[in-house]
């Protein structure tokens, strides 16, 4: 790995782990731009993982599924396995919350209709 590649890797790692959303987006953009230049499976795996972290940290949970591509390259990679479980749990949790919100809204609408009908009758 050249000195320049090491610097890009270090900078992109720092950016996707930043607390500043704009830094995370810059890290994602850097990684997306450099992904095509990955000459080895190891480089590609690292970039895909960092991209998945960036997507997860920016709230783009479905796009963080890139961790699954890392696991195709290295099936036992613990960091990617952990990230995969984390985003799957988050997606499932968000799905349950959306179902709850929908059920609550539906309950309020039905309750409102029932109250209106009770007043008329």
PDB file of N, CA and C in Angstrom:
ATOM      1  N   UNK A   1       0.855  -1.172   0.000  1.00  0.00           N
ATOM      2  CA  UNK A   1       0.000   0.000   0.000  1.00  0.00           C
ATOM      3  C   UNK A   1       0.905   1.242   0.000  1.00  0.00           C
ATOM      4  N   UNK A   2       0.633   2.159  -0.879  1.00  0.00           N
ATOM      5  CA  UNK A   2       1.467   3.355  -0.971  1.00  0.00           C
ATOM      6  C   UNK A   2       1.173   4.300   0.186  1.00  0.00           C
ATOM      7  N   UNK A   3       2.068   5.234   0.383  1.00  0.00           N
ATOM      8  CA  UNK A   3       1.907   6.230   1.440  1.00  0.00           C
ATOM      9  C   UNK A   3       0.611   7.021   1.245  1.00  0.00           C
ATOM     10  N   UNK A   4       0.307   7.349  -0.025  1.00  0.00           N
ATOM     11  CA  UNK A   4      -0.916   8.105  -0.324  1.00  0.00           C
ATOM     12  C   UNK A   4      -2.152   7.283   0.036  1.00  0.00           C
ATOM     13  N   UNK A   5      -2.155   5.998  -0.299  1.00  0.00           N
ATOM     14  CA  UNK A   5      -3.292   5.142   0.029  1.00  0.00           C
ATOM     15  C   UNK A   5      -3.487   5.051   1.541  1.00  0.00           C
ATOM     16  N   UNK A   6      -2.386   4.980   2.281  1.00  0.00           N
ATOM     17  CA  UNK A   6      -2.479   4.936   3.738  1.00  0.00           C
ATOM     18  C   UNK A   6      -3.087   6.216   4.294  1.00  0.00           C
ATOM     19  N   UNK A   7      -2.707   7.341   3.719  1.00  0.00           N
ATOM     20  CA  UNK A   7      -3.257   8.630   4.175  1.00  0.00           C
ATOM     21  C   UNK A   7      -4.748   8.731   3.864  1.00  0.00           C
ATOM     22  N   UNK A   8      -5.138   8.305   2.660  1.00  0.00           N
ATOM     23  CA  UNK A   8      -6.555   8.331   2.278  1.00  0.00           C
ATOM     24  C   UNK A   8      -7.347   7.417   3.203  1.00  0.00           C
ATOM     25  N   UNK A   9      -6.808   6.237   3.483  1.00  0.00           N
ATOM     26  CA  UNK A   9      -7.494   5.298   4.369  1.00  0.00           C
ATOM     27  C   UNK A   9      -7.655   5.905   5.763  1.00  0.00           C
ATOM     28  N   UNK A  10      -6.590   6.490   6.296  1.00  0.00           N
ATOM     29  CA  UNK A  10      -6.650   7.084   7.631  1.00  0.00           C
ATOM     30  C   UNK A  10      -7.637   8.251   7.676  1.00  0.00           C
ATOM     31  N   UNK A  11      -7.607   9.098   6.664  1.00  0.00           N
ATOM     32  CA  UNK A  11      -8.515  10.238   6.625  1.00  0.00           C
ATOM     33  C   UNK A  11      -9.964   9.782   6.476  1.00  0.00           C
ATOM     34  N   UNK A  12     -10.208   8.831   5.586  1.00  0.00           N
ATOM     35  CA  UNK A  12     -11.593   8.364   5.399  1.00  0.00           C
ATOM     36  C   UNK A  12     -12.106   7.683   6.663  1.00  0.00           C
ATOM     37  N   UNK A  13     -11.221   6.937   7.362  1.00  0.00           N
ATOM     38  CA  UNK A  13     -11.623   6.318   8.629  1.00  0.00           C
ATOM     39  C   UNK A  13     -12.033   7.400   9.617  1.00  0.00           C
ATOM     40  N   UNK A  14     -11.200   8.420   9.760  1.00  0.00           N
ATOM     41  CA  UNK A  14     -11.494   9.504  10.700  1.00  0.00           C
ATOM     42  C   UNK A  14     -12.787  10.222  10.334  1.00  0.00           C
ATOM     43  N   UNK A  15     -13.001  10.454   9.055  1.00  0.00           N
ATOM     44  CA  UNK A  15     -14.208  11.176   8.626  1.00  0.00           C
ATOM     45  C   UNK A  15     -15.475  10.383   8.902  1.00  0.00           C
ATOM     46  N   UNK A  16     -15.514   9.093   8.563  1.00  0.00           N
ATOM     47  CA  UNK A  16     -16.759   8.329   8.779  1.00  0.00           C
ATOM     48  C   UNK A  16     -17.027   8.083  10.259  1.00  0.00           C
ATOM     49  N   UNK A  17     -16.004   8.224  11.111  1.00  0.00           N
ATOM     50  CA  UNK A  17     -16.199   8.069  12.547  1.00  0.00           C
ATOM     51  C   UNK A  17     -16.395   9.413  13.262  1.00  0.00           C
ATOM     52  N   UNK A  18     -16.429  10.496  12.511  1.00  0.00           N
ATOM     53  CA  UNK A  18     -16.585  11.824  13.094  1.00  0.00           C
ATOM     54  C   UNK A  18     -17.992  12.007  13.671  1.00  0.00           C
ATOM     55  N   UNK A  19     -18.098  12.937  14.604  1.00  0.00           N
ATOM     56  CA  UNK A  19     -19.413  13.300  15.151  1.00  0.00           C
ATOM     57  C   UNK A  19     -20.131  14.318  14.274  1.00  0.00           C
ATOM     58  N   UNK A  20     -19.412  14.887  13.319  1.00  0.00           N
ATOM     59  CA  UNK A  20     -19.985  15.909  12.444  1.00  0.00           C
ATOM     60  C   UNK A  20     -20.576  15.251  11.198  1.00  0.00           C
ATOM     61  N   UNK A  21     -21.870  15.395  10.959  1.00  0.00           N
ATOM     62  CA  UNK A  21     -22.495  14.760   9.798  1.00  0.00           C
ATOM     63  C   UNK A  21     -21.828  15.117   8.465  1.00  0.00           C
ATOM     64  N   UNK A  22     -21.373  16.366   8.329  1.00  0.00           N
ATOM     65  CA  UNK A  22     -20.740  16.753   7.064  1.00  0.00           C
ATOM     66  C   UNK A  22     -19.403  16.032   6.867  1.00  0.00           C
ATOM     67  N   UNK A  23     -18.692  15.735   7.963  1.00  0.00           N
ATOM     68  CA  UNK A  23     -17.455  14.955   7.862  1.00  0.00           C
ATOM     69  C   UNK A  23     -17.756  13.528   7.415  1.00  0.00           C
ATOM     70  N   UNK A  24     -18.808  12.952   7.988  1.00  0.00           N
ATOM     71  CA  UNK A  24     -19.198  11.589   7.613  1.00  0.00           C
ATOM     72  C   UNK A  24     -19.515  11.549   6.115  1.00  0.00           C
ATOM     73  N   UNK A  25     -20.242  12.559   5.621  1.00  0.00           N
ATOM     74  CA  UNK A  25     -20.573  12.611   4.193  1.00  0.00           C
ATOM     75  C   UNK A  25     -19.318  12.754   3.335  1.00  0.00           C
ATOM     76  N   UNK A  26     -18.354  13.545   3.797  1.00  0.00           N
ATOM     77  CA  UNK A  26     -17.089  13.683   3.055  1.00  0.00           C
ATOM     78  C   UNK A  26     -16.340  12.360   3.018  1.00  0.00           C
ATOM     79  N   UNK A  27     -16.343  11.644   4.124  1.00  0.00           N
ATOM     80  CA  UNK A  27     -15.699  10.331   4.172  1.00  0.00           C
ATOM     81  C   UNK A  27     -16.362   9.351   3.214  1.00  0.00           C
ATOM     82  N   UNK A  28     -17.688   9.373   3.176  1.00  0.00           N
ATOM     83  CA  UNK A  28     -18.431   8.511   2.257  1.00  0.00           C
ATOM     84  C   UNK A  28     -18.057   8.844   0.816  1.00  0.00           C
ATOM     85  N   UNK A  29     -18.025  10.134   0.493  1.00  0.00           N
ATOM     86  CA  UNK A  29     -17.682  10.554  -0.877  1.00  0.00           C
ATOM     87  C   UNK A  29     -16.264  10.111  -1.248  1.00  0.00           C
ATOM     88  N   UNK A  30     -15.317  10.255  -0.328  1.00  0.00           N
ATOM     89  CA  UNK A  30     -13.940   9.821  -0.593  1.00  0.00           C
ATOM     90  C   UNK A  30     -13.880   8.324  -0.872  1.00  0.00           C
ATOM     91  N   UNK A  31     -14.573   7.559  -0.039  1.00  0.00           N
ATOM     92  CA  UNK A  31     -14.545   6.106  -0.190  1.00  0.00           C
ATOM     93  C   UNK A  31     -15.227   5.659  -1.475  1.00  0.00           C
ATOM     94  N   UNK A  32     -16.358   6.290  -1.797  1.00  0.00           N
ATOM     95  CA  UNK A  32     -17.050   5.946  -3.045  1.00  0.00           C
ATOM     96  C   UNK A  32     -16.158   6.221  -4.245  1.00  0.00           C
ATOM     97  N   UNK A  33     -15.445   7.357  -4.206  1.00  0.00           N
ATOM     98  CA  UNK A  33     -14.573   7.722  -5.321  1.00  0.00           C
ATOM     99  C   UNK A  33     -13.377   6.787  -5.438  1.00  0.00           C
ATOM    100  N   UNK A  34     -12.879   6.289  -4.315  1.00  0.00           N
ATOM    101  CA  UNK A  34     -11.675   5.457  -4.354  1.00  0.00           C
ATOM    102  C   UNK A  34     -11.966   3.964  -4.465  1.00  0.00           C
ATOM    103  N   UNK A  35     -13.218   3.568  -4.347  1.00  0.00           N
ATOM    104  CA  UNK A  35     -13.565   2.146  -4.367  1.00  0.00           C
ATOM    105  C   UNK A  35     -13.179   1.471  -5.679  1.00  0.00           C
ATOM    106  N   UNK A  36     -13.371   2.164  -6.788  1.00  0.00           N
ATOM    107  CA  UNK A  36     -13.047   1.586  -8.097  1.00  0.00           C
ATOM    108  C   UNK A  36     -11.547   1.342  -8.251  1.00  0.00           C
ATOM    109  N   UNK A  37     -10.729   2.070  -7.486  1.00  0.00           N
ATOM    110  CA  UNK A  37      -9.276   1.927  -7.580  1.00  0.00           C
ATOM    111  C   UNK A  37      -8.721   0.865  -6.638  1.00  0.00           C
ATOM    112  N   UNK A  38      -9.579   0.082  -6.017  1.00  0.00           N
ATOM    113  CA  UNK A  38      -9.120  -0.945  -5.082  1.00  0.00           C
ATOM    114  C   UNK A  38      -8.518  -2.099  -5.871  1.00  0.00           C
ATOM    115  N   UNK A  39      -7.230  -2.316  -5.663  1.00  0.00           N
ATOM    116  CA  UNK A  39      -6.538  -3.321  -6.454  1.00  0.00           C
ATOM    117  C   UNK A  39      -6.572  -4.712  -5.824  1.00  0.00           C
ATOM    118  N   UNK A  40      -6.839  -4.801  -4.532  1.00  0.00           N
ATOM    119  CA  UNK A  40      -6.849  -6.115  -3.891  1.00  0.00           C
ATOM    120  C   UNK A  40      -8.167  -6.325  -3.148  1.00  0.00           C
ATOM    121  N   UNK A  41      -8.534  -7.575  -2.926  1.00  0.00           N
ATOM    122  CA  UNK A  41      -9.758  -7.846  -2.147  1.00  0.00           C
ATOM    123  C   UNK A  41      -9.689  -7.246  -0.740  1.00  0.00           C
ATOM    124  N   UNK A  42      -8.485  -7.214  -0.149  1.00  0.00           N
ATOM    125  CA  UNK A  42      -8.338  -6.645   1.184  1.00  0.00           C
ATOM    126  C   UNK A  42      -8.647  -5.153   1.187  1.00  0.00           C
ATOM    127  N   UNK A  43      -8.141  -4.425   0.193  1.00  0.00           N
ATOM    128  CA  UNK A  43      -8.440  -2.988   0.088  1.00  0.00           C
ATOM    129  C   UNK A  43      -9.939  -2.776  -0.131  1.00  0.00           C
ATOM    130  N   UNK A  44     -10.528  -3.575  -1.008  1.00  0.00           N
ATOM    131  CA  UNK A  44     -11.959  -3.438  -1.292  1.00  0.00           C
ATOM    132  C   UNK A  44     -12.772  -3.714  -0.030  1.00  0.00           C
ATOM    133  N   UNK A  45     -12.391  -4.748   0.703  1.00  0.00           N
ATOM    134  CA  UNK A  45     -13.098  -5.094   1.938  1.00  0.00           C
ATOM    135  C   UNK A  45     -13.048  -3.941   2.928  1.00  0.00           C
ATOM    136  N   UNK A  46     -11.863  -3.352   3.124  1.00  0.00           N
ATOM    137  CA  UNK A  46     -11.729  -2.233   4.069  1.00  0.00           C
ATOM    138  C   UNK A  46     -12.583  -1.046   3.652  1.00  0.00           C
ATOM    139  N   UNK A  47     -12.557  -0.725   2.368  1.00  0.00           N
ATOM    140  CA  UNK A  47     -13.336   0.431   1.887  1.00  0.00           C
ATOM    141  C   UNK A  47     -14.834   0.162   2.006  1.00  0.00           C
ATOM    142  N   UNK A  48     -15.268  -1.038   1.665  1.00  0.00           N
ATOM    143  CA  UNK A  48     -16.686  -1.374   1.799  1.00  0.00           C
ATOM    144  C   UNK A  48     -17.129  -1.291   3.254  1.00  0.00           C
ATOM    145  N   UNK A  49     -16.285  -1.764   4.155  1.00  0.00           N
ATOM    146  CA  UNK A  49     -16.618  -1.705   5.572  1.00  0.00           C
ATOM    147  C   UNK A  49     -16.740  -0.258   6.037  1.00  0.00           C
ATOM    148  N   UNK A  50     -15.764   0.566   5.684  1.00  0.00           N
ATOM    149  CA  UNK A  50     -15.829   1.973   6.085  1.00  0.00           C
ATOM    150  C   UNK A  50     -17.030   2.681   5.468  1.00  0.00           C
ATOM    151  N   UNK A  51     -17.357   2.333   4.228  1.00  0.00           N
ATOM    152  CA  UNK A  51     -18.564   2.893   3.607  1.00  0.00           C
ATOM    153  C   UNK A  51     -19.804   2.473   4.393  1.00  0.00           C
ATOM    154  N   UNK A  52     -19.868   1.198   4.766  1.00  0.00           N
ATOM    155  CA  UNK A  52     -21.012   0.701   5.538  1.00  0.00           C
ATOM    156  C   UNK A  52     -21.123   1.442   6.870  1.00  0.00           C
ATOM    157  N   UNK A  53     -19.985   1.683   7.522  1.00  0.00           N
ATOM    158  CA  UNK A  53     -19.980   2.443   8.775  1.00  0.00           C
ATOM    159  C   UNK A  53     -20.500   3.864   8.525  1.00  0.00           C
ATOM    160  N   UNK A  54     -20.005   4.484   7.466  1.00  0.00           N
ATOM    161  CA  UNK A  54     -20.452   5.840   7.141  1.00  0.00           C
ATOM    162  C   UNK A  54     -21.943   5.900   6.864  1.00  0.00           C
ATOM    163  N   UNK A  55     -22.434   4.946   6.084  1.00  0.00           N
ATOM    164  CA  UNK A  55     -23.876   4.916   5.797  1.00  0.00           C
ATOM    165  C   UNK A  55     -24.681   4.712   7.084  1.00  0.00           C
ATOM    166  N   UNK A  56     -24.216   3.810   7.931  1.00  0.00           N
ATOM    167  CA  UNK A  56     -24.918   3.563   9.190  1.00  0.00           C
ATOM    168  C   UNK A  56     -24.940   4.825  10.050  1.00  0.00           C
ATOM    169  N   UNK A  57     -23.792   5.472  10.181  1.00  0.00           N
ATOM    170  CA  UNK A  57     -23.686   6.658  11.031  1.00  0.00           C
ATOM    171  C   UNK A  57     -24.483   7.829  10.470  1.00  0.00           C
ATOM    172  N   UNK A  58     -24.732   7.822   9.145  1.00  0.00           N
ATOM    173  CA  UNK A  58     -25.518   8.911   8.568  1.00  0.00           C
ATOM    174  C   UNK A  58     -27.007   8.555   8.502  1.00  0.00           C
ATOM    175  N   UNK A  59     -27.382   7.404   9.066  1.00  0.00           N
ATOM    176  CA  UNK A  59     -28.790   7.014   9.117  1.00  0.00           C
ATOM    177  C   UNK A  59     -29.296   6.311   7.876  1.00  0.00           C
ATOM    178  N   UNK A  60     -28.409   5.995   6.956  1.00  0.00           N
ATOM    179  CA  UNK A  60     -28.796   5.284   5.736  1.00  0.00           C
ATOM    180  C   UNK A  60     -28.632   3.778   5.978  1.00  0.00           C
ATOM    181  N   UNK A  61     -29.481   3.240   6.856  1.00  0.00           N
ATOM    182  CA  UNK A  61     -29.320   1.863   7.303  1.00  0.00           C
ATOM    183  C   UNK A  61     -29.384   0.831   6.182  1.00  0.00           C
ATOM    184  N   UNK A  62     -30.306   0.931   5.240  1.00  0.00           N
ATOM    185  CA  UNK A  62     -30.301  -0.065   4.159  1.00  0.00           C
ATOM    186  C   UNK A  62     -28.995  -0.071   3.355  1.00  0.00           C
ATOM    187  N   UNK A  63     -28.400   1.106   3.152  1.00  0.00           N
ATOM    188  CA  UNK A  63     -27.143   1.175   2.395  1.00  0.00           C
ATOM    189  C   UNK A  63     -25.975   0.604   3.192  1.00  0.00           C
ATOM    190  N   UNK A  64     -26.118   0.525   4.517  1.00  0.00           N
ATOM    191  CA  UNK A  64     -25.041  -0.033   5.330  1.00  0.00           C
ATOM    192  C   UNK A  64     -24.934  -1.544   5.161  1.00  0.00           C
ATOM    193  N   UNK A  65     -25.814  -2.106   4.352  1.00  0.00           N
ATOM    194  CA  UNK A  65     -25.735  -3.538   4.046  1.00  0.00           C
ATOM    195  C   UNK A  65     -24.471  -3.896   3.265  1.00  0.00           C
ATOM    196  N   UNK A  66     -23.667  -2.901   2.926  1.00  0.00           N
ATOM    197  CA  UNK A  66     -22.382  -3.179   2.286  1.00  0.00           C
ATOM    198  C   UNK A  66     -21.526  -4.095   3.149  1.00  0.00           C
ATOM    199  N   UNK A  67     -21.797  -4.127   4.444  1.00  0.00           N
ATOM    200  CA  UNK A  67     -21.056  -5.030   5.331  1.00  0.00           C
ATOM    201  C   UNK A  67     -21.213  -6.474   4.859  1.00  0.00           C
ATOM    202  N   UNK A  68     -22.342  -6.783   4.245  1.00  0.00           N
ATOM    203  CA  UNK A  68     -22.550  -8.139   3.722  1.00  0.00           C
ATOM    204  C   UNK A  68     -21.560  -8.461   2.608  1.00  0.00           C
ATOM    205  N   UNK A  69     -21.212  -7.464   1.792  1.00  0.00           N
ATOM    206  CA  UNK A  69     -20.213  -7.681   0.744  1.00  0.00           C
ATOM    207  C   UNK A  69     -18.840  -7.932   1.357  1.00  0.00           C
ATOM    208  N   UNK A  70     -18.550  -7.280   2.471  1.00  0.00           N
ATOM    209  CA  UNK A  70     -17.286  -7.542   3.185  1.00  0.00           C
ATOM    210  C   UNK A  70     -17.238  -9.007   3.617  1.00  0.00           C
ATOM    211  N   UNK A  71     -18.373  -9.515   4.069  1.00  0.00           N
ATOM    212  CA  UNK A  71     -18.425 -10.896   4.547  1.00  0.00           C
ATOM    213  C   UNK A  71     -18.298 -11.904   3.411  1.00  0.00           C
ATOM    214  N   UNK A  72     -18.615 -11.488   2.193  1.00  0.00           N
ATOM    215  CA  UNK A  72     -18.377 -12.365   1.048  1.00  0.00           C
ATOM    216  C   UNK A  72     -16.877 -12.514   0.811  1.00  0.00           C
ATOM    217  N   UNK A  73     -16.129 -11.461   1.095  1.00  0.00           N
ATOM    218  CA  UNK A  73     -14.669 -11.488   0.926  1.00  0.00           C
ATOM    219  C   UNK A  73     -14.012 -12.188   2.114  1.00  0.00           C
ATOM    220  N   UNK A  74     -14.486 -11.879   3.322  1.00  0.00           N
ATOM    221  CA  UNK A  74     -13.923 -12.441   4.559  1.00  0.00           C
ATOM    222  C   UNK A  74     -15.065 -12.831   5.494  1.00  0.00           C
ATOM    223  N   UNK A  75     -15.618 -14.044   5.352  1.00  0.00           N
ATOM    224  CA  UNK A  75     -16.822 -14.454   6.098  1.00  0.00           C
ATOM    225  C   UNK A  75     -16.716 -14.399   7.621  1.00  0.00           C
ATOM    226  N   UNK A  76     -15.522 -14.486   8.167  1.00  0.00           N
ATOM    227  CA  UNK A  76     -15.363 -14.509   9.625  1.00  0.00           C
ATOM    228  C   UNK A  76     -14.910 -13.180  10.211  1.00  0.00           C
ATOM    229  N   UNK A  77     -14.983 -12.117   9.424  1.00  0.00           N
ATOM    230  CA  UNK A  77     -14.497 -10.818   9.889  1.00  0.00           C
ATOM    231  C   UNK A  77     -15.443 -10.291  10.962  1.00  0.00           C
ATOM    232  N   UNK A  78     -14.957 -10.262  12.180  1.00  0.00           N
ATOM    233  CA  UNK A  78     -15.790  -9.941  13.340  1.00  0.00           C
ATOM    234  C   UNK A  78     -16.390  -8.540  13.281  1.00  0.00           C
ATOM    235  N   UNK A  79     -15.614  -7.543  12.840  1.00  0.00           N
ATOM    236  CA  UNK A  79     -16.139  -6.167  12.768  1.00  0.00           C
ATOM    237  C   UNK A  79     -17.334  -6.092  11.820  1.00  0.00           C
ATOM    238  N   UNK A  80     -17.225  -6.740  10.668  1.00  0.00           N
ATOM    239  CA  UNK A  80     -18.325  -6.709   9.695  1.00  0.00           C
ATOM    240  C   UNK A  80     -19.529  -7.476  10.219  1.00  0.00           C
ATOM    241  N   UNK A  81     -19.279  -8.588  10.914  1.00  0.00           N
ATOM    242  CA  UNK A  81     -20.388  -9.353  11.502  1.00  0.00           C
ATOM    243  C   UNK A  81     -21.127  -8.514  12.547  1.00  0.00           C
ATOM    244  N   UNK A  82     -20.372  -7.792  13.360  1.00  0.00           N
ATOM    245  CA  UNK A  82     -20.972  -6.935  14.383  1.00  0.00           C
ATOM    246  C   UNK A  82     -21.776  -5.806  13.750  1.00  0.00           C
ATOM    247  N   UNK A  83     -21.203  -5.169  12.722  1.00  0.00           N
ATOM    248  CA  UNK A  83     -21.913  -4.088  12.040  1.00  0.00           C
ATOM    249  C   UNK A  83     -23.186  -4.617  11.387  1.00  0.00           C
ATOM    250  N   UNK A  84     -23.116  -5.784  10.777  1.00  0.00           N
ATOM    251  CA  UNK A  84     -24.299  -6.378  10.127  1.00  0.00           C
ATOM    252  C   UNK A  84     -25.408  -6.593  11.152  1.00  0.00           C
ATOM    253  N   UNK A  85     -25.074  -7.156  12.319  1.00  0.00           N
ATOM    254  CA  UNK A  85     -26.087  -7.371  13.348  1.00  0.00           C
ATOM    255  C   UNK A  85     -26.646  -6.039  13.846  1.00  0.00           C
ATOM    256  N   UNK A  86     -25.780  -5.049  13.992  1.00  0.00           N
ATOM    257  CA  UNK A  86     -26.209  -3.730  14.466  1.00  0.00           C
ATOM    258  C   UNK A  86     -27.208  -3.099  13.509  1.00  0.00           C
ATOM    259  N   UNK A  87     -26.899  -3.109  12.186  1.00  0.00           N
ATOM    260  CA  UNK A  87     -27.845  -2.464  11.272  1.00  0.00           C
ATOM    261  C   UNK A  87     -29.099  -3.292  11.087  1.00  0.00           C
ATOM    262  N   UNK A  88     -29.004  -4.620  11.177  1.00  0.00           N
ATOM    263  CA  UNK A  88     -30.223  -5.444  11.088  1.00  0.00           C
ATOM    264  C   UNK A  88     -31.136  -5.173  12.275  1.00  0.00           C
ATOM    265  N   UNK A  89     -30.536  -5.058  13.473  1.00  0.00           N
ATOM    266  CA  UNK A  89     -31.334  -4.737  14.664  1.00  0.00           C
ATOM    267  C   UNK A  89     -31.984  -3.364  14.523  1.00  0.00           C
ATOM    268  N   UNK A  90     -31.234  -2.405  13.989  1.00  0.00           N
ATOM    269  CA  UNK A  90     -31.764  -1.044  13.827  1.00  0.00           C
ATOM    270  C   UNK A  90     -32.905  -1.017  12.812  1.00  0.00           C
ATOM    271  N   UNK A  91     -32.729  -1.721  11.700  1.00  0.00           N
ATOM    272  CA  UNK A  91     -33.782  -1.773  10.680  1.00  0.00           C
ATOM    273  C   UNK A  91     -35.029  -2.433  11.254  1.00  0.00           C
ATOM    274  N   UNK A  92     -34.855  -3.522  12.014  1.00  0.00           N
ATOM    275  CA  UNK A  92     -35.999  -4.208  12.625  1.00  0.00           C
ATOM    276  C   UNK A  92     -36.686  -3.289  13.637  1.00  0.00           C
ATOM    277  N   UNK A  93     -35.892  -2.581  14.451  1.00  0.00           N
ATOM    278  CA  UNK A  93     -36.455  -1.664  15.449  1.00  0.00           C
ATOM    279  C   UNK A  93     -37.232  -0.545  14.766  1.00  0.00           C
ATOM    280  N   UNK A  94     -36.661   0.027  13.712  1.00  0.00           N
ATOM    281  CA  UNK A  94     -37.355   1.092  12.982  1.00  0.00           C
ATOM    282  C   UNK A  94     -38.645   0.581  12.358  1.00  0.00           C
ATOM    283  N   UNK A  95     -38.633  -0.664  11.877  1.00  0.00           N
ATOM    284  CA  UNK A  95     -39.838  -1.254  11.299  1.00  0.00           C
ATOM    285  C   UNK A  95     -40.931  -1.411  12.334  1.00  0.00           C
ATOM    286  N   UNK A  96     -40.570  -1.847  13.544  1.00  0.00           N
ATOM    287  CA  UNK A  96     -41.544  -2.009  14.626  1.00  0.00           C
ATOM    288  C   UNK A  96     -42.106  -0.652  15.029  1.00  0.00           C
ATOM    289  N   UNK A  97     -41.247   0.358  15.089  1.00  0.00           N
ATOM    290  CA  UNK A  97     -41.705   1.710  15.438  1.00  0.00           C
ATOM    291  C   UNK A  97     -42.682   2.221  14.383  1.00  0.00           C
ATOM    292  N   UNK A  98     -42.362   2.003  13.104  1.00  0.00           N
ATOM    293  CA  UNK A  98     -43.263   2.454  12.031  1.00  0.00           C
ATOM    294  C   UNK A  98     -44.614   1.752  12.113  1.00  0.00           C
ATOM    295  N   UNK A  99     -44.599   0.456  12.428  1.00  0.00           N
ATOM    296  CA  UNK A  99     -45.861  -0.284  12.577  1.00  0.00           C
ATOM    297  C   UNK A  99     -46.654   0.289  13.743  1.00  0.00           C
ATOM    298  N   UNK A 100     -45.977   0.604  14.844  1.00  0.00           N
ATOM    299  CA  UNK A 100     -46.649   1.185  16.009  1.00  0.00           C
ATOM    300  C   UNK A 100     -47.260   2.536  15.705  1.00  0.00           C
ATOM    301  N   UNK A 101     -46.531   3.367  14.972  1.00  0.00           N
ATOM    302  CA  UNK A 101     -47.044   4.688  14.601  1.00  0.00           C
ATOM    303  C   UNK A 101     -48.267   4.538  13.701  1.00  0.00           C
ATOM    304  N   UNK A 102     -48.188   3.638  12.747  1.00  0.00           N
ATOM    305  CA  UNK A 102     -49.311   3.404  11.835  1.00  0.00           C
ATOM    306  C   UNK A 102     -50.528   2.896  12.603  1.00  0.00           C
ATOM    307  N   UNK A 103     -50.307   1.953  13.518  1.00  0.00           N
ATOM    308  CA  UNK A 103     -51.423   1.409  14.300  1.00  0.00           C
ATOM    309  C   UNK A 103     -52.050   2.486  15.183  1.00  0.00           C
ATOM    310  N   UNK A 104     -51.227   3.336  15.767  1.00  0.00           N
ATOM    311  CA  UNK A 104     -51.742   4.427  16.606  1.00  0.00           C
ATOM    312  C   UNK A 104     -52.564   5.402  15.773  1.00  0.00           C
ATOM    313  N   UNK A 105     -52.045   5.772  14.607  1.00  0.00           N
ATOM    314  CA  UNK A 105     -52.772   6.699  13.729  1.00  0.00           C
ATOM    315  C   UNK A 105     -54.100   6.087  13.303  1.00  0.00           C
ATOM    316  N   UNK A 106     -54.075   4.826  12.937  1.00  0.00           N
ATOM    317  CA  UNK A 106     -55.307   4.145  12.529  1.00  0.00           C
ATOM    318  C   UNK A 106     -56.299   4.107  13.686  1.00  0.00           C
ATOM    319  N   UNK A 107     -55.799   3.837  14.900  1.00  0.00           N
ATOM    320  CA  UNK A 107     -56.668   3.819  16.077  1.00  0.00           C
ATOM    321  C   UNK A 107     -57.305   5.175  16.334  1.00  0.00           C
ATOM    322  N   UNK A 108     -56.533   6.236  16.149  1.00  0.00           N
ATOM    323  CA  UNK A 108     -57.088   7.586  16.339  1.00  0.00           C
ATOM    324  C   UNK A 108     -58.149   7.906  15.300  1.00  0.00           C
ATOM    325  N   UNK A 109     -57.917   7.503  14.066  1.00  0.00           N
ATOM    326  CA  UNK A 109     -58.903   7.757  12.998  1.00  0.00           C
ATOM    327  C   UNK A 109     -60.188   6.995  13.279  1.00  0.00           C
ATOM    328  N   UNK A 110     -60.058   5.705  13.619  1.00  0.00           N
ATOM    329  CA  UNK A 110     -61.247   4.889  13.901  1.00  0.00           C
ATOM    330  C   UNK A 110     -61.974   5.448  15.127  1.00  0.00           C
ATOM    331  N   UNK A 111     -61.196   5.835  16.151  1.00  0.00           N
ATOM    332  CA  UNK A 111     -61.811   6.419  17.351  1.00  0.00           C
ATOM    333  C   UNK A 111     -62.550   7.711  17.048  1.00  0.00           C
ATOM    334  N   UNK A 112     -61.962   8.541  16.179  1.00  0.00           N
ATOM    335  CA  UNK A 112     -62.612   9.788  15.786  1.00  0.00           C
ATOM    336  C   UNK A 112     -63.907   9.545  15.026  1.00  0.00           C
ATOM    337  N   UNK A 113     -63.884   8.571  14.122  1.00  0.00           N
ATOM    338  CA  UNK A 113     -65.100   8.221  13.364  1.00  0.00           C
ATOM    339  C   UNK A 113     -66.167   7.689  14.309  1.00  0.00           C
ATOM    340  N   UNK A 114     -65.746   6.828  15.241  1.00  0.00           N
ATOM    341  CA  UNK A 114     -66.704   6.251  16.192  1.00  0.00           C
ATOM    342  C   UNK A 114     -67.316   7.354  17.060  1.00  0.00           C
ATOM    343  N   UNK A 115     -66.521   8.302  17.501  1.00  0.00           N
ATOM    344  CA  UNK A 115     -67.018   9.407  18.332  1.00  0.00           C
ATOM    345  C   UNK A 115     -67.993  10.278  17.540  1.00  0.00           C
ATOM    346  N   UNK A 116     -67.660  10.529  16.262  1.00  0.00           N
ATOM    347  CA  UNK A 116     -68.548  11.337  15.429  1.00  0.00           C
ATOM    348  C   UNK A 116     -69.870  10.639  15.199  1.00  0.00           C
ATOM    349  N   UNK A 117     -69.832   9.336  14.961  1.00  0.00           N
ATOM    350  CA  UNK A 117     -71.064   8.573  14.784  1.00  0.00           C
ATOM    351  C   UNK A 117     -71.885   8.515  16.063  1.00  0.00           C
ATOM    352  N   UNK A 118     -71.201   8.455  17.203  1.00  0.00           N
ATOM    353  CA  UNK A 118     -71.918   8.396  18.489  1.00  0.00           C
ATOM    354  C   UNK A 118     -72.636   9.719  18.742  1.00  0.00           C
ATOM    355  N   UNK A 119     -72.045  10.825  18.356  1.00  0.00           N
ATOM    356  CA  UNK A 119     -72.678  12.136  18.536  1.00  0.00           C
ATOM    357  C   UNK A 119     -73.895  12.282  17.643  1.00  0.00           C
ATOM    358  N   UNK A 120     -73.814  11.741  16.433  1.00  0.00           N
ATOM    359  CA  UNK A 120     -74.944  11.853  15.508  1.00  0.00           C
ATOM    360  C   UNK A 120     -76.114  11.008  15.964  1.00  0.00           C
ATOM    361  N   UNK A 121     -75.786   9.842  16.539  1.00  0.00           N
ATOM    362  CA  UNK A 121     -76.821   8.880  16.894  1.00  0.00           C
ATOM    363  C   UNK A 121     -77.458   9.118  18.174  1.00  0.00           C
TER     364      UNK A 121
END
